[in-house]
Each structure stands twice: as C-alpha cells, then as structure tokens.
Amino acid sequence: MQANAIEAVVAWMDAMRRGDLDAAADWFHPEVTWTGVPASAECRNRAEVLDMLRDSLPPRAAEAVELIAPSADTVVLGAKVPGLTEVGGEALEGQLFNVFRVREGRIVAVVDYALRDDALQAAGATAPAWR
C-alpha cells in the first residue's frame, strides 16, 4: 500500500529527525525538485536534494510544527525553529514553510516559503479554523 501525502511527509520528517539521510532519501522520487529561499536556490534531482539536506544535519529542534493537507497530493509543513533567522539573506523570523507535492507515495517537489500565507496560497490551502 502506498503512503498518502501526509504519511510520506511525516515519515520523511521522522527520518530527518533521526538524522537518517538514507531513510529520508527513500521518500524522494529520483527526479524530485526542491526550490528554496531564495527561489534561486534550487535542487533538480534526488542527489542534489540529499547534498543540500546533508549540509543541514543534524537538524535543529523545532519548537512547533504544523501540517496542512489541502489535497491528496499536497502538504504544507510549517516549522518554528528557534535561531532560524535567515536563509540566503531572506528573513525568516524563526519559521519556515514548505509545500510538498507527493505522487505515488513519493515526494516529487518541495518549495520553501518564508511566509505562511504564501505557502498556503501556493498549495491552494486555507488556514484551518480552530475551535
């Protein structure tokens, strides 16, 4: 049985949390792309993505995590990470948002956003209403 989008992202997050890059790699499609902040920071395949992620290990501890799945193949991940103030000269205010696209149980594209509203809009999502 194939993982749905949120299952794939959670499993990838767990592998990254454990610092297990091999397990994380299993969740990526061979032709995955990852567009960072700034948008000129781009990885065009699994090898480039893994090189980028290898440079970010060990992962920083997140203070808060938010997952929103607006469709069967899309997940927005928001992470509040103390000390994460900028990437590539772009201010992050301690948080980063990723839009994951998943196909056939594997991550095929990731795009980073500095702002939650931008990530939600790109994913075709709205902020959940909490009660």
Foldseek 3Di string as FASTA:
>chain_A
DADWQVRLVVQLVVCLQVVNLVSNLVQADQQAKEQEVVRVDIDGGSVSVSVVSNVCPPPADFPDWDWDDPDRFKIKIKTQGPPCQDDPPHGQNRMKIKIFGDDRRHTRYIYIDSDPVVNCVVNVHDDDDDD
